[in-house]
Structures are given as C-alpha cells and as structure tokens.
Amino acid sequence: MEQIQEEEKRIIWSNLNLDIEDWREFLEEEYPDRTEDEYYDLMRELNDGYLDDERMNLDVQLSTPILVCADLGLWNGRKSGYRMIDSGNISNCLDSGFEDVEWYVDRQGDLRSTAIHHDGRNHYLYRAVREHVPDWKVERLQNKLYEGTASYADIEKVTRRLGDEIAAVYGFPIQEEIRETGGMTDMEVIDIQKEVLEEVDLLGRKGYFTELRVDKETVPEGMHCYELRYGDDDGFPVSVEESVRVNYFGAVVLAEELELGEEKALQFGYEDFGYTGEQMYLAQVQGRQRDAEGYEAIPTGAELIKFMEENGISFQMNEKEADLICGYMDGHGYVVGQKDGQLCRGDLCAETDRTVWEETTIDDLVDSVTEWNYELLQDAKSSMDNSDNLSDFVFQHSRYEELCADEKILDAMFDRTKYAEQIEHMAQMLAEQLIQSLQSKGDIDGAVKELVQGIKEQPEQKKGRAR
C-alpha cells in the first residue's frame, strides 16, 4: 500500500504513528459494533497484512546482491554495520525482525527503513552492488561500514540505488541519478539544509560533508561552506578551498571560518581528514549547538566534563566515564544538554518535531544509566540462556561481557552519587534498629519483622545499584 507522506519521502509500508482516525470510517463500515480496542487491533492487523502485499509487489529479481548499510541505536550508543541480501530480490528488503518499522524511498531514490526497538532506533539503507564491481572493492566497503568510516560517496562508488525498480512498480516519478565526473556542470547543485550530511573531522574541526555541489545561498548564517579537491587518489581530498572547478571531491560546512591565506586554499594530509560515521541534517547540527528554546546539547564526554567544571558541578568523573553516560543516553533516545548553566536531559523520541527537555542532575543521569545497564544485563543473560544456536550464544555472551564491563564503571560512579549515601544511611539506620530490637526483646523473628516493616515504610528512593 504505497503512500505519499510528503514530497521528498514515498512510504512503501509503515506501522509507525498509525492513527485510528484515518481508518475509522472504513472500520466502522466493515466491522460495525466493535469496541475502540478492537478497532485498534483490527487496524494493526489489516495494516500488517498490507506488508505481504508489498512484498509481492516488490518481488523484483536483481542480477547482483543487495548491501544493507546499518546505523544501529544500541544500548551503548550508535554503531554502524552491514549485511548482505545475497538473493538480490528487493522483496527480501522488507524484513526487519522488529515490530515497529517503516520502509520508504527518499528524494535521492534510495530505499531506506527505520526500525524502533527498546534500545533506540535503527536506520537502514539498501543498495544493489554495481555490475562488474570486483569482490575486493565490496569487501573494502564492508570493512568501512563495520568500522563506521564509510561515506555516502564510498557507498555510491560500489553500489547503486533501488529506487528506479521500485518507482517502476508503483508508477511514481523519480529524479535522474546523477554521478560525479569531476567537472563544474556535471553535478546537481543542492540546498544544503535539505540533505543528509556526513560528519567528518577536518583539520581538527568537526565538519559536515556532501559529495554534491552546494548552493551557497542555502548555507545558514553562522556556518561556513568550503569545497574540497582531490589529488592523484580520487578517493581522498588533499585541499580545502573557497571554490573548486576540477577534481571536485565535495563540500564541507564548518561552524568556524578558516584562514585560507592568499592562495585561498589549505593543503592537508591523510591524518587531517576522516569520516566519523555519523549522518545528520544541518538542522540537527544546529540543534546540537542550541535549539529554538535555548537548550544546548552536550553530546560527548569531554564536553560534559568541561561544562561541569565551568559551572561548578562537583562530581569526580573521567572522560571514559562521561562518554559512557552520553553513549547510554544516546542509545536510549536521550541527549545530555544544558540551558543557562543548568544540566538538562532531552527526550528525542517523545515528539517528532522537537526535543523535550527537563532539568536534571549528574546524580540522576548516573542513576538512570546504571538502571538501564542492569536491565540490559538481565535481558542479555536471559537471551544467552535461551539462545537457539552457538552463533547466537557467542553474540549474546559478548554483549553480556561488554555490559559487565560497563557495570563495573557505573557501580564506581554510582558510589559517588547522593543516592549511594542515602542507601548507606538507610542501611545503617535499619541495622541499628535491628540491634536495638534484639537487645530489648531478644526475639529474632520479631526483630526481623520490624526490619522488613521498616524497609517498607522508607520513602521510595532512586535505586541505582540497590536492586
């Protein structure tokens, strides 16, 4: 059931944000006298049935395998990866293993999907391996995807989009695929604010890269756009300049202005440029700096420690520990931030068009992450105990060991929070009550009952490790 949600996104199938009101007239006509809950269940059931229809529609056989590029929201932050659909049949792309998922074709003609799960969101890009590409080039791209260093340009050189075959099935128009040949007029000029950009490190600065040419009028105020030139190796840039006519590698947007000198160019080496593996719109980049409500994201451990030092927040924490906090927050759909020197936590999933912020403390952040770690440990142990085969057991065991390593770090951090002090004080108080009861009554059973009652009467505390 192909739907058009907006001009730049053609949904193939989705069960995200299903609205009963969109289905009500049909359901009430076909299934009268049902309860609201029954109508909701029918909506989900009927919508799930349409997925099988779409698999039949997209039973399109390609001559090469399909590469799935994955951006995974895991318990300890975002990770990248890949898998191969060796059958080369597009219908096999419509299989995620998650309950909440959406498949769509974007404005560039790429088939993509988003899957929501308890750890966060996964994003997938589906591309067919190009004809006659040697295996070693595919393997090199796979390694880059696994390491999180692959750019869209890397992917485009080895694979092609699936949108042409899909558009032919559904009959919707699709823009012509344009590949760079290095000349000034061979490439599409884009609105930078409408493109997904690759985050890069350039000369010690964070930048946001596209291999296409940029309409400089679309660059927002306060950002600076430069162009990159490649040298003998067309897979790597060697200079950043105001404008490049030949050997064009791509454009990069920076938050700070570069001093290019009289030659209007800066030369650099392999160590001065690299992909971080992150992808985002420029609006998200600006949101990281400061959103419309004045909140500023703190995405890294180093930035979190710097903020705490500058605002007099007394909590001993090294960069590895701070990175763990930021990673778990990101993996669970949150971001650490601040406003006017007050530490905050932003919920990225509560609303689709904005981040929902609330004030917090470093103690609360540590406590939340410690609880998440505990829940994930229990889940990993259960999955390990109930694994179906050796491969699954090895994966779950590896995950369990990673979580155990996180637990040691988080336990040490929790001991520095006010909640650890509260738990220790409560334990000491209850122990004293037990001793007094034994001394006055000599009744062990009665003393234990009083101890249990005392625990029940304690006000609910943040628990952290106390579970």
Protein backbone atom coordinates (compact mmCIF):
# COMPACT_ATOMS: atom_id res chain seq x y z
CA MET A 1 0.00 0.00 0.00
CA GLU A 2 2.27 2.75 -1.25
CA GLN A 3 1.52 6.10 0.30
CA ILE A 4 2.99 9.55 -0.19
CA GLN A 5 3.64 11.24 3.12
CA GLU A 6 5.47 14.25 1.75
CA GLU A 7 7.07 15.40 -1.48
CA GLU A 8 10.51 14.04 -0.60
CA LYS A 9 9.53 10.73 1.00
CA ARG A 10 7.41 7.96 -0.55
CA ILE A 11 6.38 5.41 2.04
CA ILE A 12 6.19 1.80 0.89
CA TRP A 13 4.87 0.44 4.19
CA SER A 14 4.80 1.67 7.77
CA ASN A 15 3.24 0.96 11.12
CA LEU A 16 4.79 3.99 12.79
CA ASN A 17 2.33 6.62 14.03
CA LEU A 18 -0.79 4.76 12.87
CA ASP A 19 -3.83 6.97 13.51
CA ILE A 20 -7.14 5.24 14.21
CA GLU A 21 -8.98 8.29 12.84
CA ASP A 22 -7.53 7.63 9.38
CA TRP A 23 -9.07 4.14 9.49
CA ARG A 24 -12.29 4.82 11.43
CA GLU A 25 -14.73 5.28 8.55
CA PHE A 26 -13.61 2.08 6.83
CA LEU A 27 -13.51 0.04 10.05
CA GLU A 28 -16.93 1.15 11.27
CA GLU A 29 -18.45 0.34 7.88
CA GLU A 30 -16.81 -3.09 7.53
CA TYR A 31 -16.79 -4.07 11.22
CA PRO A 32 -19.73 -2.40 13.00
CA ASP A 33 -20.38 -2.56 16.74
CA ARG A 34 -16.75 -3.10 17.83
CA THR A 35 -15.03 -1.56 20.82
CA GLU A 36 -12.28 1.03 20.47
CA ASP A 37 -9.65 -1.53 21.46
CA GLU A 38 -10.99 -3.97 18.87
CA TYR A 39 -10.83 -1.28 16.19
CA TYR A 40 -7.22 -0.54 17.14
CA ASP A 41 -6.27 -4.22 16.94
CA LEU A 42 -8.06 -4.53 13.58
CA MET A 43 -6.16 -1.52 12.26
CA ARG A 44 -2.83 -3.08 13.22
CA GLU A 45 -3.83 -6.49 11.83
CA LEU A 46 -5.04 -5.13 8.50
CA ASN A 47 -2.00 -2.89 8.14
CA ASP A 48 0.31 -5.85 8.84
CA GLY A 49 -1.45 -7.73 6.05
CA TYR A 50 -0.58 -4.99 3.58
CA LEU A 51 3.11 -5.74 4.19
CA ASP A 52 2.70 -9.12 2.49
CA ASP A 53 1.10 -7.31 -0.47
CA GLU A 54 4.13 -5.02 -0.74
CA ARG A 55 6.49 -7.99 -0.66
CA MET A 56 4.57 -9.44 -3.60
CA ASN A 57 4.69 -6.09 -5.43
CA LEU A 58 8.45 -5.85 -4.93
CA ASP A 59 9.27 -9.39 -5.98
CA VAL A 60 11.89 -7.93 -8.31
CA GLN A 61 14.97 -10.04 -9.02
CA LEU A 62 18.28 -8.21 -9.49
CA SER A 63 21.44 -9.63 -11.02
CA THR A 64 23.62 -8.68 -8.03
CA PRO A 65 23.34 -8.93 -4.22
CA ILE A 66 21.88 -6.13 -2.11
CA LEU A 67 24.05 -4.43 0.52
CA VAL A 68 22.24 -3.18 3.64
CA CYS A 69 24.08 -0.32 5.37
CA ALA A 70 23.05 -0.10 9.01
CA ASP A 71 23.14 2.72 11.56
CA LEU A 72 22.17 0.99 14.82
CA GLY A 73 20.89 2.56 18.03
CA LEU A 74 22.26 0.15 20.65
CA TRP A 75 22.35 0.18 24.43
CA ASN A 76 25.81 1.77 24.49
CA GLY A 77 25.40 4.31 21.69
CA ARG A 78 25.13 4.29 17.92
CA LYS A 79 27.07 1.70 15.92
CA SER A 80 27.37 1.03 12.20
CA GLY A 81 27.37 -2.24 10.31
CA TYR A 82 26.09 -4.06 7.26
CA ARG A 83 24.52 -7.27 5.99
CA MET A 84 24.17 -8.81 2.55
CA ILE A 85 20.95 -9.93 0.89
CA ASP A 86 22.56 -12.49 -1.39
CA SER A 87 19.28 -13.35 -3.12
CA GLY A 88 19.28 -9.96 -4.82
CA ASN A 89 15.48 -9.84 -4.55
CA ILE A 90 14.06 -6.48 -3.46
CA SER A 91 11.18 -8.14 -1.58
CA ASN A 92 13.69 -9.54 0.91
CA CYS A 93 14.50 -5.99 1.98
CA LEU A 94 11.04 -5.81 3.62
CA ASP A 95 12.10 -7.99 6.53
CA SER A 96 13.42 -6.30 9.68
CA GLY A 97 12.75 -8.54 12.67
CA PHE A 98 11.28 -5.56 14.56
CA GLU A 99 7.63 -4.83 15.31
CA ASP A 100 7.73 -1.07 14.59
CA VAL A 101 9.24 -0.26 11.22
CA GLU A 102 8.87 1.91 8.12
CA TRP A 103 10.23 1.45 4.58
CA TYR A 104 10.38 4.39 2.16
CA VAL A 105 12.12 5.79 -0.91
CA ASP A 106 13.81 9.16 -0.27
CA ARG A 107 14.21 12.06 -2.69
CA GLN A 108 17.54 10.65 -3.92
CA GLY A 109 15.82 7.41 -4.95
CA ASP A 110 17.28 5.33 -2.12
CA LEU A 111 15.27 2.64 -0.37
CA ARG A 112 15.60 3.18 3.38
CA SER A 113 13.95 1.98 6.58
CA THR A 114 13.65 2.98 10.22
CA ALA A 115 13.06 0.39 12.96
CA ILE A 116 12.20 1.26 16.56
CA HIS A 117 13.13 -1.04 19.44
CA HIS A 118 13.65 -0.84 23.21
CA ASP A 119 17.24 0.41 22.87
CA GLY A 120 16.51 3.12 20.29
CA ARG A 121 16.18 3.47 16.51
CA ASN A 122 17.93 1.66 13.67
CA HIS A 123 18.30 3.21 10.22
CA TYR A 124 18.97 1.10 7.12
CA LEU A 125 19.98 1.98 3.56
CA TYR A 126 19.50 -0.67 0.83
CA ARG A 127 21.78 -0.61 -2.24
CA ALA A 128 22.42 -3.06 -5.08
CA VAL A 129 26.04 -3.93 -5.80
CA ARG A 130 27.00 -2.50 -9.19
CA GLU A 131 27.64 -4.84 -12.10
CA HIS A 132 31.25 -5.93 -12.58
CA VAL A 133 32.48 -4.46 -9.28
CA PRO A 134 35.29 -6.76 -8.02
CA ASP A 135 34.84 -8.57 -4.73
CA TRP A 136 37.75 -6.78 -3.10
CA LYS A 137 36.02 -3.42 -3.55
CA VAL A 138 32.85 -4.77 -1.94
CA GLU A 139 34.90 -6.16 0.96
CA ARG A 140 36.69 -2.84 1.41
CA LEU A 141 33.34 -1.06 1.63
CA GLN A 142 32.05 -3.66 4.09
CA ASN A 143 35.08 -3.05 6.30
CA LYS A 144 34.49 0.70 6.20
CA LEU A 145 30.84 0.19 7.13
CA TYR A 146 31.81 -2.07 10.02
CA GLU A 147 34.40 0.45 11.25
CA GLY A 148 31.99 3.38 10.85
CA THR A 149 34.22 5.24 8.36
CA ALA A 150 32.23 4.78 5.12
CA SER A 151 30.87 7.90 3.43
CA TYR A 152 27.94 8.06 1.04
CA ALA A 153 30.49 8.64 -1.72
CA ASP A 154 32.18 5.35 -0.78
CA ILE A 155 28.82 3.57 -0.92
CA GLU A 156 27.85 5.18 -4.22
CA LYS A 157 31.04 4.04 -5.96
CA VAL A 158 30.35 0.37 -5.25
CA THR A 159 26.54 0.23 -5.21
CA ARG A 160 23.52 1.77 -6.90
CA ARG A 161 20.11 2.84 -5.68
CA LEU A 162 16.98 0.64 -5.79
CA GLY A 163 14.53 3.47 -6.37
CA ASP A 164 14.39 3.01 -10.15
CA GLU A 165 12.97 -0.52 -9.91
CA ILE A 166 10.62 0.47 -7.08
CA ALA A 167 9.35 3.57 -8.93
CA ALA A 168 8.63 1.39 -11.96
CA VAL A 169 6.45 -0.89 -9.82
CA TYR A 170 4.38 1.89 -8.21
CA GLY A 171 4.49 4.41 -11.04
CA PHE A 172 5.76 7.40 -9.12
CA PRO A 173 8.31 9.81 -10.65
CA ILE A 174 11.92 9.69 -9.52
CA GLN A 175 14.73 12.13 -10.20
CA GLU A 176 17.52 11.09 -12.51
CA GLU A 177 20.52 9.58 -10.75
CA ILE A 178 23.47 11.92 -11.17
CA ARG A 179 27.03 10.69 -10.71
CA GLU A 180 30.03 12.97 -10.37
CA THR A 181 32.55 13.11 -13.21
CA GLY A 182 34.64 15.93 -11.77
CA GLY A 183 33.52 18.88 -13.90
CA MET A 184 31.71 22.00 -12.74
CA THR A 185 28.48 21.33 -14.65
CA ASP A 186 28.22 17.57 -14.17
CA MET A 187 26.67 17.67 -10.71
CA GLU A 188 23.41 18.66 -9.08
CA VAL A 189 23.51 21.84 -7.00
CA ILE A 190 21.69 21.20 -3.75
CA ASP A 191 20.01 23.04 -0.90
CA ILE A 192 22.37 22.12 1.95
CA GLN A 193 19.56 22.29 4.51
CA LYS A 194 17.62 19.50 2.77
CA GLU A 195 20.44 16.95 2.51
CA VAL A 196 21.68 14.27 4.88
CA LEU A 197 25.33 15.13 5.56
CA GLU A 198 28.32 13.04 6.61
CA GLU A 199 30.05 14.18 9.79
CA VAL A 200 33.81 14.46 9.23
CA ASP A 201 36.92 15.54 11.08
CA LEU A 202 38.79 18.16 9.04
CA LEU A 203 41.96 19.82 10.33
CA GLY A 204 40.93 19.18 13.92
CA ARG A 205 37.41 20.55 13.42
CA LYS A 206 34.00 18.92 13.11
CA GLY A 207 32.56 19.38 9.63
CA TYR A 208 29.51 18.20 7.67
CA PHE A 209 30.18 16.84 4.19
CA THR A 210 28.35 16.15 0.94
CA GLU A 211 29.85 14.91 -2.31
CA LEU A 212 27.40 17.15 -4.25
CA ARG A 213 27.79 20.82 -5.05
CA VAL A 214 26.13 23.24 -2.66
CA ASP A 215 24.06 26.33 -3.40
CA LYS A 216 25.95 28.74 -1.13
CA GLU A 217 22.78 30.81 -0.67
CA THR A 218 21.27 27.94 1.32
CA VAL A 219 24.07 27.88 3.92
CA PRO A 220 22.61 29.24 7.19
CA GLU A 221 24.04 32.29 8.88
CA GLY A 222 26.91 31.47 11.20
CA MET A 223 28.03 28.44 9.14
CA HIS A 224 30.80 28.41 6.51
CA CYS A 225 30.90 26.26 3.36
CA TYR A 226 34.14 25.24 1.65
CA GLU A 227 34.97 22.89 -1.22
CA LEU A 228 37.45 20.01 -1.23
CA ARG A 229 39.79 18.99 -4.05
CA TYR A 230 41.19 15.50 -4.59
CA GLY A 231 44.68 14.77 -5.91
CA ASP A 232 46.20 11.68 -7.51
CA ASP A 233 43.91 9.49 -5.39
CA ASP A 234 40.33 10.46 -6.29
CA GLY A 235 39.13 8.75 -3.12
CA PHE A 236 40.76 11.27 -0.80
CA PRO A 237 40.85 15.09 -0.62
CA VAL A 238 44.12 17.00 -0.39
CA SER A 239 43.00 20.62 -0.01
CA VAL A 240 40.12 22.78 1.22
CA GLU A 241 39.32 25.87 -0.87
CA GLU A 242 36.72 28.57 -1.42
CA SER A 243 35.80 27.09 -4.82
CA VAL A 244 36.91 24.05 -6.81
CA ARG A 245 36.22 23.67 -10.53
CA VAL A 246 38.09 20.44 -11.35
CA ASN A 247 38.96 17.40 -9.23
CA TYR A 248 35.97 18.27 -7.08
CA PHE A 249 35.71 15.92 -4.09
CA GLY A 250 32.84 17.51 -2.19
CA ALA A 251 31.73 20.37 0.06
CA VAL A 252 32.07 20.73 3.81
CA VAL A 253 30.22 23.02 6.21
CA LEU A 254 32.01 24.25 9.34
CA ALA A 255 30.86 26.22 12.35
CA GLU A 256 34.01 28.34 12.27
CA GLU A 257 35.71 30.27 9.49
CA LEU A 258 39.01 29.01 8.08
CA GLU A 259 42.01 31.20 7.36
CA LEU A 260 42.82 30.12 3.79
CA GLY A 261 45.59 32.63 3.13
CA GLU A 262 46.47 34.37 -0.11
CA GLU A 263 46.13 31.18 -2.17
CA LYS A 264 42.55 30.72 -0.88
CA ALA A 265 43.42 27.08 -0.13
CA LEU A 266 44.76 24.89 2.67
CA GLN A 267 46.67 21.70 1.86
CA PHE A 268 46.34 18.72 4.23
CA GLY A 269 47.27 15.06 4.56
CA TYR A 270 45.59 11.73 5.28
CA GLU A 271 45.67 12.30 9.02
CA ASP A 272 43.76 15.59 8.72
CA PHE A 273 40.53 14.23 7.20
CA GLY A 274 38.27 11.35 8.20
CA TYR A 275 34.65 10.25 8.49
CA THR A 276 33.14 9.78 11.96
CA GLY A 277 30.33 7.51 10.72
CA GLU A 278 27.58 9.91 11.84
CA GLN A 279 24.94 11.21 9.41
CA MET A 280 22.56 14.09 10.02
CA TYR A 281 20.71 17.07 8.59
CA LEU A 282 22.18 20.52 9.13
CA ALA A 283 19.20 21.36 11.34
CA GLN A 284 20.32 18.58 13.68
CA VAL A 285 23.82 20.03 13.68
CA GLN A 286 22.46 23.41 14.68
CA GLY A 287 20.23 21.70 17.24
CA ARG A 288 23.31 20.18 18.79
CA GLN A 289 24.60 23.69 19.31
CA ARG A 290 21.45 25.42 20.54
CA ASP A 291 17.78 24.78 19.75
CA ALA A 292 14.94 27.25 19.48
CA GLU A 293 14.21 27.07 23.21
CA GLY A 294 17.78 27.90 24.12
CA TYR A 295 18.91 24.40 25.07
CA GLU A 296 22.39 23.30 24.03
CA ALA A 297 23.24 19.63 23.54
CA ILE A 298 26.31 18.12 25.20
CA PRO A 299 26.95 15.05 23.02
CA THR A 300 30.41 13.97 24.22
CA GLY A 301 32.07 13.09 27.49
CA ALA A 302 34.77 15.74 27.04
CA GLU A 303 32.11 18.45 26.58
CA LEU A 304 30.18 17.19 29.61
CA ILE A 305 33.27 17.37 31.86
CA LYS A 306 34.10 20.85 30.55
CA PHE A 307 30.53 22.04 31.24
CA MET A 308 30.61 20.66 34.79
CA GLU A 309 33.95 22.32 35.52
CA GLU A 310 32.80 25.67 34.14
CA ASN A 311 29.55 25.58 36.16
CA GLY A 312 30.94 24.36 39.46
CA ILE A 313 29.28 20.93 39.41
CA SER A 314 31.32 18.89 41.87
CA PHE A 315 31.40 15.28 40.73
CA GLN A 316 34.58 13.32 40.08
CA MET A 317 34.38 11.77 36.61
CA ASN A 318 36.91 10.98 33.88
CA GLU A 319 36.29 11.22 30.14
CA LYS A 320 35.71 7.46 29.70
CA GLU A 321 33.00 7.55 32.37
CA ALA A 322 31.42 10.67 30.87
CA ASP A 323 31.44 9.08 27.39
CA LEU A 324 29.60 6.10 28.87
CA ILE A 325 26.88 8.38 30.23
CA CYS A 326 26.48 10.17 26.88
CA GLY A 327 26.53 6.88 24.96
CA TYR A 328 23.82 5.23 27.05
CA MET A 329 21.69 8.38 26.83
CA ASP A 330 22.04 8.42 23.03
CA GLY A 331 21.30 4.69 22.81
CA HIS A 332 18.07 5.16 24.77
CA GLY A 333 16.79 8.13 22.76
CA TYR A 334 18.03 10.93 25.03
CA VAL A 335 20.71 13.61 24.88
CA VAL A 336 22.52 15.42 27.67
CA GLY A 337 22.31 19.20 27.43
CA GLN A 338 22.26 22.49 29.30
CA LYS A 339 20.47 25.80 29.44
CA ASP A 340 21.83 28.81 31.28
CA GLY A 341 24.28 26.60 33.18
CA GLN A 342 21.60 24.11 34.30
CA LEU A 343 22.20 20.47 33.36
CA CYS A 344 19.29 19.04 31.34
CA ARG A 345 18.17 15.83 29.67
CA GLY A 346 16.44 15.92 26.29
CA ASP A 347 13.99 13.25 25.12
CA LEU A 348 14.50 12.79 21.37
CA CYS A 349 11.56 10.42 20.86
CA ALA A 350 8.71 11.98 22.85
CA GLU A 351 7.73 14.28 19.96
CA THR A 352 8.60 14.06 16.28
CA ASP A 353 9.47 17.71 15.64
CA ARG A 354 11.26 18.81 18.81
CA THR A 355 13.38 17.65 21.72
CA VAL A 356 11.52 17.59 25.05
CA TRP A 357 13.83 18.88 27.78
CA GLU A 358 13.79 18.59 31.56
CA GLU A 359 16.20 19.74 34.23
CA THR A 360 18.34 17.02 35.78
CA THR A 361 21.46 16.44 37.86
CA ILE A 362 24.57 14.38 37.25
CA ASP A 363 23.41 12.07 40.08
CA ASP A 364 20.15 11.43 38.22
CA LEU A 365 21.97 10.78 34.94
CA VAL A 366 24.28 8.25 36.57
CA ASP A 367 21.33 6.62 38.34
CA SER A 368 19.31 6.28 35.10
CA VAL A 369 22.24 4.83 33.16
CA THR A 370 23.01 2.39 36.00
CA GLU A 371 19.40 1.18 35.94
CA TRP A 372 19.47 0.77 32.14
CA ASN A 373 22.67 -1.21 32.40
CA TYR A 374 21.08 -3.51 34.98
CA GLU A 375 18.01 -4.08 32.79
CA LEU A 376 20.17 -4.79 29.75
CA LEU A 377 22.30 -7.22 31.76
CA GLN A 378 19.20 -9.17 32.75
CA ASP A 379 17.98 -9.18 29.16
CA ALA A 380 21.38 -10.29 27.81
CA LYS A 381 21.64 -13.08 30.40
CA SER A 382 18.16 -14.32 29.55
CA SER A 383 18.95 -14.21 25.81
CA MET A 384 22.22 -16.06 26.43
CA ASP A 385 20.49 -18.76 28.49
CA ASN A 386 17.82 -19.21 25.79
CA SER A 387 19.98 -18.89 22.68
CA ASP A 388 18.97 -21.07 19.73
CA ASN A 389 22.43 -21.92 18.44
CA LEU A 390 26.14 -21.47 19.10
CA SER A 391 26.42 -18.34 16.96
CA ASP A 392 23.60 -16.65 18.86
CA PHE A 393 25.12 -17.72 22.20
CA VAL A 394 28.52 -16.26 21.26
CA PHE A 395 26.92 -12.95 20.26
CA GLN A 396 24.84 -12.73 23.45
CA HIS A 397 27.82 -13.73 25.60
CA SER A 398 29.92 -11.00 24.01
CA ARG A 399 27.15 -8.49 24.66
CA TYR A 400 26.86 -9.68 28.26
CA GLU A 401 30.60 -9.25 28.84
CA GLU A 402 30.52 -5.72 27.42
CA LEU A 403 27.65 -4.85 29.75
CA CYS A 404 29.50 -6.36 32.71
CA ALA A 405 32.48 -4.13 31.92
CA ASP A 406 30.12 -1.14 31.81
CA GLU A 407 28.60 -2.24 35.12
CA LYS A 408 31.95 -2.03 36.93
CA ILE A 409 32.46 1.53 35.73
CA LEU A 410 28.89 2.56 36.55
CA ASP A 411 28.95 0.97 40.01
CA ALA A 412 32.02 3.02 40.87
CA MET A 413 30.27 6.16 39.59
CA PHE A 414 27.07 5.37 41.50
CA ASP A 415 29.09 5.19 44.74
CA ARG A 416 29.85 8.90 44.27
CA THR A 417 26.19 9.96 43.97
CA LYS A 418 23.93 11.23 46.72
CA TYR A 419 21.75 8.15 46.25
CA ALA A 420 24.57 5.87 47.36
CA GLU A 421 24.90 7.97 50.51
CA GLN A 422 21.14 7.77 51.11
CA ILE A 423 21.14 3.99 50.71
CA GLU A 424 24.11 3.62 53.04
CA HIS A 425 22.42 5.85 55.63
CA MET A 426 19.18 3.88 55.37
CA ALA A 427 21.03 0.57 55.75
CA GLN A 428 22.90 1.87 58.82
CA MET A 429 19.68 3.13 60.40
CA LEU A 430 17.85 -0.16 59.84
CA ALA A 431 20.80 -2.13 61.23
CA GLU A 432 20.77 -0.02 64.38
CA GLN A 433 17.03 -0.60 64.74
CA LEU A 434 17.57 -4.35 64.40
CA ILE A 435 20.27 -4.36 67.09
CA GLN A 436 18.14 -2.29 69.45
CA SER A 437 15.17 -4.60 68.92
CA LEU A 438 17.27 -7.67 69.63
CA GLN A 439 18.74 -6.11 72.77
CA SER A 440 15.37 -5.04 74.17
CA LYS A 441 13.24 -8.03 73.20
CA GLY A 442 15.60 -10.86 72.36
CA ASP A 443 13.09 -12.03 69.77
CA ILE A 444 14.85 -12.69 66.45
CA ASP A 445 11.63 -13.34 64.47
CA GLY A 446 10.02 -10.19 65.84
CA ALA A 447 13.13 -8.14 65.12
CA VAL A 448 13.22 -9.36 61.52
CA LYS A 449 9.54 -8.48 61.07
CA GLU A 450 10.21 -4.98 62.37
CA LEU A 451 13.16 -4.69 59.98
CA VAL A 452 11.02 -5.69 56.99
CA GLN A 453 8.31 -3.26 58.04
CA GLY A 454 10.90 -0.53 58.40
CA ILE A 455 12.11 -1.12 54.86
CA LYS A 456 8.53 -0.94 53.55
CA GLU A 457 7.97 2.37 55.33
CA GLN A 458 11.04 4.01 53.86
CA PRO A 459 10.22 6.64 51.21
CA GLU A 460 10.87 5.49 47.66
CA GLN A 461 14.45 6.26 46.69
CA LYS A 462 16.34 6.21 43.48
CA LYS A 463 17.81 2.76 43.42
CA GLY A 464 20.78 2.61 41.04
CA ARG A 465 22.73 -0.46 42.17
CA ALA A 466 20.38 -1.15 45.08
CA ARG A 467 18.22 -3.78 43.45
